[in-house]
Structure formats: structure tokens, C-alpha cells
């Protein structure tokens, strides 16, 4: 009987400690995090307004354009000029984009790939490992990262 009382008391103490930790974490002040460079994060108070504006400008330039793929590339991989190549992985940003791409497939042509092992395909379309990436097969215009449905539709409309 004494063992049961000790065990029950230990469980109560454990639960009480967990409850205190929960309240302390919940009450901790939250600071807005701003990404300045891919590897550096600072709180908003540590960043100048100029740096924030520069970061926004960089984010707005995620739309890139490279050399157009050759006709051989399109034919070899059975793609048309209006096809959007969706290069994805199993990470959260790609997962967030999958439902949007599926919805847009009703109106636009998408080619899904998560294979970086095909060096010739990657060279033709400039895929380097950044996921998610969206590349217009005809113009090589691209979007990288998690983007809005409107941005993706804009790319699809300009593709071809």
C-alpha cells in the first residue's frame, strides 16, 4: 500500500511540474523573427528598417529567368512549351504547394518531378535542388519556394 501511495504522489508531482513548465512557456514574451540571410535570424528590434526593406526586395525577386531550354530537351522529355515543371520534395513547403498544384492542373499542364538524379533533365531546365521550384518548360521562367496560388497562376499564364 505504501508503494502505491509513493507512486501516486510521484505522478502528481510530475504532472504539477509539467503544468508549471507549460505556463512558463506560454507566458514567455514572443519576438517576431526576421530572416536577413538564409542562415541568420534576428529579432525585429535588432534589424534596421533598411535591412527589412532589402529583405522584402530579395523575396520579391524569387522569380528568375534562365536560358530557354532547347527543342531537344522538350522533345526528349515529352514536354510542351506550356508545361510547368513542379520540382518537389517531402518537406513542408512542397507539401503545402501540392494541393494548389493539383487544383491548378484542371486548367494548366504540370509535370511533377522529385528526382535530381537525372543530370540531363536538370541541366535542360536548371534544377538544382531548391524545392519547391516551378519552371516553365518553354521559357525557363521560374518561381522558387512556397508561393501563392495567384503567383503560380501568373507564371502558368505567361508560360508558353
N, C-alpha and C. Protein backbone atom coordinates (compact mmCIF):
# COMPACT_ATOMS: atom_id res chain seq x y z
N UNK A 1 0.82 -1.19 0.00
CA UNK A 1 0.00 0.00 0.00
C UNK A 1 0.86 1.26 0.00
N UNK A 2 1.99 1.21 0.77
CA UNK A 2 2.88 2.36 0.83
C UNK A 2 3.48 2.65 -0.54
N UNK A 3 3.78 1.59 -1.30
CA UNK A 3 4.36 1.76 -2.63
C UNK A 3 3.37 2.49 -3.54
N UNK A 4 2.10 2.12 -3.48
CA UNK A 4 1.08 2.78 -4.30
C UNK A 4 0.96 4.25 -3.94
N UNK A 5 1.02 4.59 -2.65
CA UNK A 5 0.93 5.99 -2.24
C UNK A 5 2.12 6.77 -2.75
N UNK A 6 3.32 6.19 -2.65
CA UNK A 6 4.52 6.87 -3.13
C UNK A 6 4.44 7.08 -4.65
N UNK A 7 4.00 6.05 -5.37
CA UNK A 7 3.90 6.15 -6.82
C UNK A 7 2.87 7.20 -7.22
N UNK A 8 1.73 7.19 -6.55
CA UNK A 8 0.68 8.18 -6.84
C UNK A 8 1.16 9.59 -6.56
N UNK A 9 1.89 9.77 -5.46
CA UNK A 9 2.44 11.08 -5.13
C UNK A 9 3.46 11.52 -6.18
N UNK A 10 4.30 10.61 -6.63
CA UNK A 10 5.30 10.91 -7.65
C UNK A 10 4.62 11.35 -8.95
N UNK A 11 3.56 10.70 -9.31
CA UNK A 11 2.84 11.05 -10.53
C UNK A 11 2.24 12.44 -10.39
N UNK A 12 1.66 12.75 -9.24
CA UNK A 12 1.10 14.08 -9.02
C UNK A 12 2.17 15.16 -9.10
N UNK A 13 3.32 14.93 -8.51
CA UNK A 13 4.42 15.89 -8.56
C UNK A 13 4.87 16.08 -10.01
N UNK A 14 5.01 15.01 -10.74
CA UNK A 14 5.41 15.08 -12.14
C UNK A 14 4.41 15.91 -12.95
N UNK A 15 3.14 15.65 -12.80
CA UNK A 15 2.11 16.40 -13.52
C UNK A 15 2.13 17.88 -13.13
N UNK A 16 2.36 18.15 -11.85
CA UNK A 16 2.43 19.54 -11.39
C UNK A 16 3.61 20.26 -12.04
N UNK A 17 4.76 19.62 -12.14
CA UNK A 17 5.95 20.21 -12.78
C UNK A 17 5.67 20.47 -14.26
N UNK A 18 5.05 19.53 -14.94
CA UNK A 18 4.70 19.71 -16.36
C UNK A 18 3.76 20.90 -16.52
N UNK A 19 2.79 21.03 -15.65
CA UNK A 19 1.85 22.15 -15.70
C UNK A 19 2.57 23.48 -15.50
N UNK A 20 3.48 23.55 -14.58
CA UNK A 20 4.25 24.79 -14.35
C UNK A 20 5.09 25.14 -15.58
N UNK A 21 5.75 24.16 -16.16
CA UNK A 21 6.55 24.40 -17.36
C UNK A 21 5.66 24.91 -18.49
N UNK A 22 4.50 24.32 -18.66
CA UNK A 22 3.58 24.75 -19.70
C UNK A 22 3.21 26.22 -19.53
N UNK A 23 2.86 26.64 -18.32
CA UNK A 23 2.50 28.04 -18.08
C UNK A 23 3.68 28.98 -18.28
N UNK A 24 4.88 28.56 -17.90
CA UNK A 24 6.06 29.40 -18.10
C UNK A 24 6.35 29.60 -19.58
N UNK A 25 6.24 28.55 -20.34
CA UNK A 25 6.48 28.65 -21.78
C UNK A 25 5.42 29.51 -22.44
N UNK A 26 4.19 29.33 -22.04
CA UNK A 26 3.09 30.09 -22.63
C UNK A 26 3.21 31.58 -22.30
N UNK A 27 3.73 31.93 -21.13
CA UNK A 27 3.84 33.31 -20.70
C UNK A 27 5.10 34.00 -21.22
N UNK A 28 6.03 33.24 -21.79
CA UNK A 28 7.29 33.83 -22.27
C UNK A 28 6.99 34.85 -23.37
N UNK A 29 7.68 36.00 -23.35
CA UNK A 29 7.44 37.00 -24.38
C UNK A 29 7.85 36.47 -25.75
N UNK A 30 7.03 36.76 -26.74
CA UNK A 30 7.30 36.30 -28.09
C UNK A 30 7.87 37.45 -28.90
N UNK A 31 8.92 37.15 -29.66
CA UNK A 31 9.54 38.15 -30.50
C UNK A 31 9.38 37.73 -31.96
N UNK A 32 9.12 38.70 -32.80
CA UNK A 32 9.00 38.43 -34.23
C UNK A 32 10.39 38.19 -34.80
N UNK A 33 10.53 37.08 -35.54
CA UNK A 33 11.81 36.72 -36.14
C UNK A 33 11.81 37.18 -37.60
N UNK A 34 12.90 37.82 -38.00
CA UNK A 34 13.05 38.30 -39.36
C UNK A 34 14.28 37.63 -39.95
N UNK A 35 14.17 37.01 -41.11
CA UNK A 35 15.30 36.37 -41.76
C UNK A 35 16.03 37.40 -42.60
N UNK A 36 17.29 37.59 -42.34
CA UNK A 36 18.10 38.56 -43.09
C UNK A 36 18.87 37.84 -44.19
N UNK A 37 19.49 36.77 -43.86
CA UNK A 37 20.19 35.93 -44.81
C UNK A 37 19.69 34.52 -44.55
N UNK A 38 19.88 33.60 -45.48
CA UNK A 38 19.37 32.25 -45.25
C UNK A 38 19.82 31.60 -43.95
N UNK A 39 20.99 32.01 -43.42
CA UNK A 39 21.48 31.36 -42.20
C UNK A 39 21.42 32.26 -40.98
N UNK A 40 20.93 33.48 -41.10
CA UNK A 40 20.94 34.42 -39.98
C UNK A 40 19.53 34.85 -39.64
N UNK A 41 19.16 34.73 -38.38
CA UNK A 41 17.87 35.23 -37.93
C UNK A 41 18.09 36.18 -36.78
N UNK A 42 17.36 37.28 -36.79
CA UNK A 42 17.45 38.27 -35.73
C UNK A 42 16.04 38.69 -35.35
N UNK A 43 15.90 39.19 -34.14
CA UNK A 43 14.59 39.71 -33.76
C UNK A 43 14.38 41.04 -34.48
N UNK A 44 13.13 41.45 -34.60
CA UNK A 44 12.80 42.65 -35.34
C UNK A 44 13.49 43.88 -34.74
N UNK A 45 13.69 43.87 -33.42
CA UNK A 45 14.33 45.01 -32.76
C UNK A 45 15.81 45.15 -33.15
N UNK A 46 16.44 44.04 -33.59
CA UNK A 46 17.86 44.06 -33.94
C UNK A 46 18.13 44.43 -35.40
N UNK A 47 17.08 44.67 -36.17
CA UNK A 47 17.21 44.89 -37.60
C UNK A 47 16.76 46.30 -37.95
N UNK A 48 17.53 46.95 -38.81
CA UNK A 48 17.16 48.30 -39.23
C UNK A 48 16.04 48.24 -40.27
N UNK A 49 15.25 49.30 -40.40
CA UNK A 49 14.20 49.34 -41.43
C UNK A 49 14.76 49.13 -42.84
N UNK A 50 15.98 49.60 -43.09
CA UNK A 50 16.60 49.42 -44.40
C UNK A 50 16.85 47.94 -44.68
N UNK A 51 17.30 47.21 -43.67
CA UNK A 51 17.55 45.78 -43.84
C UNK A 51 16.25 45.03 -44.10
N UNK A 52 15.18 45.42 -43.41
CA UNK A 52 13.88 44.78 -43.63
C UNK A 52 13.42 45.03 -45.05
N UNK A 53 13.55 46.26 -45.53
CA UNK A 53 13.14 46.59 -46.90
C UNK A 53 13.97 45.83 -47.93
N UNK A 54 15.28 45.71 -47.67
CA UNK A 54 16.16 44.98 -48.58
C UNK A 54 15.75 43.50 -48.63
N UNK A 55 15.40 42.93 -47.48
CA UNK A 55 14.96 41.54 -47.44
C UNK A 55 13.67 41.36 -48.23
N UNK A 56 12.74 42.29 -48.11
CA UNK A 56 11.49 42.20 -48.87
C UNK A 56 11.78 42.26 -50.37
N UNK A 57 12.72 43.12 -50.78
CA UNK A 57 13.07 43.21 -52.19
C UNK A 57 13.67 41.91 -52.70
N UNK A 58 14.51 41.27 -51.88
CA UNK A 58 15.10 39.99 -52.26
C UNK A 58 14.01 38.95 -52.41
N UNK A 59 13.05 38.92 -51.47
CA UNK A 59 11.96 37.95 -51.54
C UNK A 59 11.12 38.15 -52.79
N UNK A 60 10.95 39.39 -53.21
CA UNK A 60 10.16 39.67 -54.41
C UNK A 60 10.89 39.27 -55.69
N UNK A 61 12.17 39.00 -55.59
CA UNK A 61 12.94 38.63 -56.77
C UNK A 61 13.12 37.12 -56.87
N UNK A 62 12.22 36.34 -56.28
CA UNK A 62 12.34 34.89 -56.37
C UNK A 62 11.99 34.39 -57.76
N UNK A 63 11.41 35.24 -58.57
CA UNK A 63 11.06 34.87 -59.93
C UNK A 63 12.32 35.05 -60.79
N UNK A 64 12.84 33.97 -61.32
CA UNK A 64 14.07 34.01 -62.07
C UNK A 64 13.83 33.55 -63.50
N UNK A 65 14.68 33.98 -64.41
CA UNK A 65 14.59 33.55 -65.79
C UNK A 65 15.98 33.15 -66.28
N UNK A 66 16.10 31.97 -66.84
CA UNK A 66 17.36 31.48 -67.37
C UNK A 66 17.22 31.29 -68.88
N UNK A 67 18.26 30.76 -69.51
CA UNK A 67 18.19 30.49 -70.94
C UNK A 67 17.04 29.54 -71.24
N UNK A 68 16.42 29.75 -72.42
CA UNK A 68 15.32 28.86 -72.82
C UNK A 68 15.86 27.46 -73.08
N UNK A 69 15.10 26.44 -72.68
CA UNK A 69 15.52 25.06 -72.99
C UNK A 69 15.43 24.83 -74.50
N UNK A 70 16.27 23.96 -75.00
CA UNK A 70 16.25 23.66 -76.44
C UNK A 70 15.03 22.80 -76.78
N UNK A 71 14.71 22.77 -78.07
CA UNK A 71 13.62 21.91 -78.53
C UNK A 71 13.92 20.46 -78.22
N UNK A 72 15.22 20.11 -78.29
CA UNK A 72 15.62 18.73 -78.00
C UNK A 72 15.24 18.34 -76.57
N UNK A 73 15.43 19.28 -75.64
CA UNK A 73 15.07 19.00 -74.24
C UNK A 73 13.58 18.73 -74.12
N UNK A 74 12.78 19.58 -74.75
CA UNK A 74 11.33 19.42 -74.68
C UNK A 74 10.91 18.08 -75.29
N UNK A 75 11.47 17.75 -76.45
CA UNK A 75 11.10 16.51 -77.14
C UNK A 75 11.57 15.29 -76.36
N UNK A 76 12.81 15.35 -75.89
CA UNK A 76 13.37 14.19 -75.18
C UNK A 76 12.54 13.80 -73.97
N UNK A 77 12.02 14.80 -73.25
CA UNK A 77 11.26 14.52 -72.03
C UNK A 77 9.76 14.64 -72.26
N UNK A 78 9.36 14.74 -73.54
CA UNK A 78 7.94 14.76 -73.93
C UNK A 78 7.16 15.87 -73.21
N UNK A 79 7.74 17.07 -73.25
CA UNK A 79 7.10 18.23 -72.62
C UNK A 79 6.73 19.25 -73.70
N UNK A 80 5.69 19.99 -73.44
CA UNK A 80 5.31 21.08 -74.34
C UNK A 80 5.76 22.40 -73.73
N UNK A 81 5.78 23.46 -74.54
CA UNK A 81 6.26 24.76 -74.07
C UNK A 81 5.44 25.31 -72.91
N UNK A 82 4.16 24.94 -72.84
CA UNK A 82 3.29 25.48 -71.79
C UNK A 82 3.27 24.63 -70.51
N UNK A 83 4.13 23.63 -70.43
CA UNK A 83 4.20 22.77 -69.25
C UNK A 83 4.96 23.47 -68.13
N UNK A 84 4.42 23.38 -66.92
CA UNK A 84 5.11 23.87 -65.73
C UNK A 84 5.72 22.65 -65.03
N UNK A 85 7.03 22.67 -64.86
CA UNK A 85 7.71 21.59 -64.14
C UNK A 85 7.64 21.93 -62.66
N UNK A 86 7.07 21.00 -61.90
CA UNK A 86 6.94 21.17 -60.45
C UNK A 86 7.96 20.24 -59.80
N UNK A 87 9.06 20.81 -59.35
CA UNK A 87 10.09 20.03 -58.67
C UNK A 87 9.82 20.14 -57.17
N UNK A 88 9.58 18.99 -56.54
CA UNK A 88 9.15 18.97 -55.15
C UNK A 88 9.94 17.96 -54.34
N UNK A 89 9.77 18.03 -53.04
CA UNK A 89 10.33 17.05 -52.12
C UNK A 89 9.26 16.75 -51.08
N UNK A 90 9.63 16.05 -50.04
CA UNK A 90 8.66 15.72 -48.99
C UNK A 90 8.73 16.67 -47.81
N UNK A 91 9.37 17.83 -47.98
CA UNK A 91 9.43 18.80 -46.89
C UNK A 91 8.16 19.65 -46.87
N UNK A 92 7.98 20.44 -45.83
CA UNK A 92 6.71 21.11 -45.57
C UNK A 92 6.30 22.11 -46.65
N UNK A 93 7.24 22.85 -47.24
CA UNK A 93 6.87 23.83 -48.25
C UNK A 93 6.32 23.14 -49.51
N UNK A 94 6.96 22.06 -49.90
CA UNK A 94 6.46 21.30 -51.05
C UNK A 94 5.09 20.70 -50.75
N UNK A 95 4.95 20.16 -49.55
CA UNK A 95 3.66 19.58 -49.17
C UNK A 95 2.55 20.63 -49.20
N UNK A 96 2.88 21.85 -48.81
CA UNK A 96 1.88 22.93 -48.82
C UNK A 96 1.49 23.30 -50.24
N UNK A 97 2.40 23.12 -51.20
CA UNK A 97 2.13 23.50 -52.58
C UNK A 97 1.37 22.42 -53.36
N UNK A 98 1.45 21.18 -52.94
CA UNK A 98 0.84 20.08 -53.69
C UNK A 98 -0.66 20.28 -53.93
N UNK A 99 -1.48 20.65 -52.93
CA UNK A 99 -2.90 20.85 -53.19
C UNK A 99 -3.18 21.98 -54.19
N UNK A 100 -2.36 23.02 -54.15
CA UNK A 100 -2.53 24.15 -55.08
C UNK A 100 -2.23 23.68 -56.50
N UNK A 101 -1.15 22.91 -56.66
CA UNK A 101 -0.79 22.40 -57.99
C UNK A 101 -1.88 21.47 -58.50
N UNK A 102 -2.38 20.59 -57.63
CA UNK A 102 -3.46 19.68 -58.05
C UNK A 102 -4.68 20.45 -58.51
N UNK A 103 -5.01 21.52 -57.81
CA UNK A 103 -6.16 22.34 -58.20
C UNK A 103 -5.91 23.03 -59.55
N UNK A 104 -4.70 23.55 -59.74
CA UNK A 104 -4.38 24.25 -60.98
C UNK A 104 -4.20 23.30 -62.17
N UNK A 105 -4.01 22.01 -61.91
CA UNK A 105 -3.87 21.04 -63.00
C UNK A 105 -5.15 20.93 -63.83
N UNK A 106 -6.25 21.40 -63.30
CA UNK A 106 -7.50 21.39 -64.06
C UNK A 106 -7.42 22.36 -65.24
N UNK A 107 -6.61 23.41 -65.09
CA UNK A 107 -6.50 24.44 -66.13
C UNK A 107 -5.15 24.45 -66.83
N UNK A 108 -4.10 24.00 -66.16
CA UNK A 108 -2.75 24.10 -66.69
C UNK A 108 -2.07 22.74 -66.68
N UNK A 109 -1.02 22.63 -67.50
CA UNK A 109 -0.27 21.37 -67.61
C UNK A 109 0.93 21.42 -66.67
N UNK A 110 1.03 20.42 -65.79
CA UNK A 110 2.14 20.32 -64.85
C UNK A 110 2.87 19.00 -65.04
N UNK A 111 4.16 19.03 -64.87
CA UNK A 111 4.99 17.83 -64.86
C UNK A 111 5.64 17.75 -63.49
N UNK A 112 5.31 16.72 -62.73
CA UNK A 112 5.80 16.57 -61.36
C UNK A 112 7.11 15.78 -61.38
N UNK A 113 8.11 16.26 -60.68
CA UNK A 113 9.36 15.50 -60.55
C UNK A 113 9.98 15.78 -59.19
N UNK A 114 10.52 14.72 -58.61
CA UNK A 114 11.28 14.89 -57.36
C UNK A 114 12.63 14.20 -57.49
N UNK A 115 13.05 13.99 -58.73
CA UNK A 115 14.27 13.25 -59.00
C UNK A 115 15.39 14.18 -59.46
N UNK A 116 16.40 14.32 -58.64
CA UNK A 116 17.58 15.11 -59.05
C UNK A 116 18.65 14.23 -59.68
N UNK A 117 18.39 12.94 -59.82
CA UNK A 117 19.43 12.03 -60.32
C UNK A 117 19.58 12.11 -61.83
N UNK A 118 18.60 12.64 -62.53
CA UNK A 118 18.69 12.73 -63.99
C UNK A 118 19.41 14.03 -64.35
N UNK A 119 20.72 13.93 -64.52
CA UNK A 119 21.56 15.11 -64.75
C UNK A 119 21.17 15.84 -66.02
N UNK A 120 20.79 15.12 -67.06
CA UNK A 120 20.43 15.76 -68.33
C UNK A 120 19.15 16.59 -68.18
N UNK A 121 18.15 16.04 -67.48
CA UNK A 121 16.91 16.78 -67.24
C UNK A 121 17.20 18.04 -66.43
N UNK A 122 17.99 17.88 -65.39
CA UNK A 122 18.32 19.02 -64.52
C UNK A 122 19.08 20.10 -65.27
N UNK A 123 19.97 19.68 -66.16
CA UNK A 123 20.74 20.65 -66.95
C UNK A 123 19.82 21.38 -67.93
N UNK A 124 18.91 20.66 -68.56
CA UNK A 124 17.99 21.27 -69.53
C UNK A 124 17.14 22.36 -68.87
N UNK A 125 16.68 22.11 -67.66
CA UNK A 125 15.71 23.01 -67.03
C UNK A 125 16.27 23.75 -65.81
N UNK A 126 17.55 23.61 -65.55
CA UNK A 126 18.20 24.38 -64.49
C UNK A 126 17.76 24.03 -63.09
N UNK A 127 17.42 22.77 -62.85
CA UNK A 127 17.03 22.36 -61.50
C UNK A 127 18.28 22.10 -60.67
N UNK A 128 18.28 22.62 -59.44
CA UNK A 128 19.49 22.49 -58.63
C UNK A 128 19.24 21.91 -57.25
N UNK A 129 18.01 21.67 -56.88
CA UNK A 129 17.75 21.12 -55.56
C UNK A 129 16.88 21.99 -54.68
N UNK A 130 16.59 23.20 -55.11
CA UNK A 130 15.73 24.09 -54.33
C UNK A 130 14.28 23.68 -54.50
N UNK A 131 13.63 23.28 -53.42
CA UNK A 131 12.24 22.85 -53.52
C UNK A 131 11.36 23.69 -52.61
N UNK A 132 10.14 23.89 -53.01
CA UNK A 132 9.60 23.58 -54.33
C UNK A 132 10.08 24.59 -55.37
N UNK A 133 10.17 24.14 -56.62
CA UNK A 133 10.52 25.00 -57.74
C UNK A 133 9.50 24.78 -58.84
N UNK A 134 9.16 25.85 -59.54
CA UNK A 134 8.23 25.79 -60.66
C UNK A 134 8.95 26.40 -61.86
N UNK A 135 9.07 25.63 -62.94
CA UNK A 135 9.81 26.08 -64.11
C UNK A 135 8.92 25.94 -65.33
N UNK A 136 8.81 27.03 -66.10
CA UNK A 136 8.10 26.97 -67.37
C UNK A 136 9.02 26.27 -68.37
N UNK A 137 8.57 25.14 -68.91
CA UNK A 137 9.41 24.34 -69.80
C UNK A 137 9.77 25.10 -71.07
N UNK A 138 8.93 26.01 -71.53
CA UNK A 138 9.19 26.73 -72.77
C UNK A 138 10.11 27.92 -72.62
N UNK A 139 10.06 28.60 -71.50
CA UNK A 139 10.83 29.84 -71.33
C UNK A 139 11.89 29.76 -70.23
N UNK A 140 11.80 28.76 -69.38
CA UNK A 140 12.67 28.59 -68.21
C UNK A 140 12.43 29.66 -67.16
N UNK A 141 11.34 30.39 -67.27
CA UNK A 141 10.95 31.32 -66.21
C UNK A 141 10.58 30.48 -65.01
N UNK A 142 10.89 30.96 -63.81
CA UNK A 142 10.69 30.10 -62.65
C UNK A 142 10.29 30.86 -61.39
N UNK A 143 9.69 30.09 -60.49
CA UNK A 143 9.41 30.54 -59.12
C UNK A 143 10.04 29.50 -58.21
N UNK A 144 10.61 29.97 -57.12
CA UNK A 144 11.19 29.04 -56.16
C UNK A 144 10.62 29.31 -54.78
N UNK A 145 10.39 28.23 -54.05
CA UNK A 145 9.86 28.35 -52.70
C UNK A 145 8.35 28.28 -52.69
N UNK A 146 7.79 28.40 -51.50
CA UNK A 146 6.34 28.36 -51.32
C UNK A 146 5.77 29.69 -51.82
N UNK A 147 4.90 29.62 -52.82
CA UNK A 147 4.34 30.82 -53.44
C UNK A 147 2.81 30.76 -53.37
N UNK A 148 2.17 31.87 -53.64
CA UNK A 148 0.71 31.91 -53.61
C UNK A 148 0.13 31.30 -54.88
N UNK A 149 -1.12 30.94 -54.82
CA UNK A 149 -1.83 30.41 -55.99
C UNK A 149 -1.81 31.45 -57.11
N UNK A 150 -2.01 32.73 -56.76
CA UNK A 150 -2.02 33.80 -57.76
C UNK A 150 -0.67 33.91 -58.47
N UNK A 151 0.43 33.80 -57.72
CA UNK A 151 1.76 33.85 -58.34
C UNK A 151 1.97 32.68 -59.29
N UNK A 152 1.52 31.51 -58.89
CA UNK A 152 1.66 30.33 -59.72
C UNK A 152 0.80 30.44 -60.98
N UNK A 153 -0.41 30.99 -60.83
CA UNK A 153 -1.27 31.19 -62.00
C UNK A 153 -0.64 32.21 -62.96
N UNK A 154 -0.02 33.22 -62.41
CA UNK A 154 0.64 34.23 -63.24
C UNK A 154 1.78 33.59 -64.06
N UNK A 155 2.54 32.73 -63.41
CA UNK A 155 3.61 32.02 -64.13
C UNK A 155 3.01 31.13 -65.21
N UNK A 156 1.96 30.40 -64.87
CA UNK A 156 1.33 29.49 -65.84
C UNK A 156 0.75 30.28 -67.03
N UNK A 157 0.16 31.43 -66.77
CA UNK A 157 -0.41 32.24 -67.86
C UNK A 157 0.68 32.79 -68.78
N UNK A 158 1.86 33.09 -68.22
CA UNK A 158 2.93 33.64 -69.05
C UNK A 158 3.76 32.55 -69.71
N UNK A 159 3.52 31.32 -69.34
CA UNK A 159 4.30 30.19 -69.86
C UNK A 159 3.81 29.82 -71.27
N UNK A 160 4.75 29.52 -72.13
CA UNK A 160 4.37 29.04 -73.46
C UNK A 160 4.67 30.01 -74.46
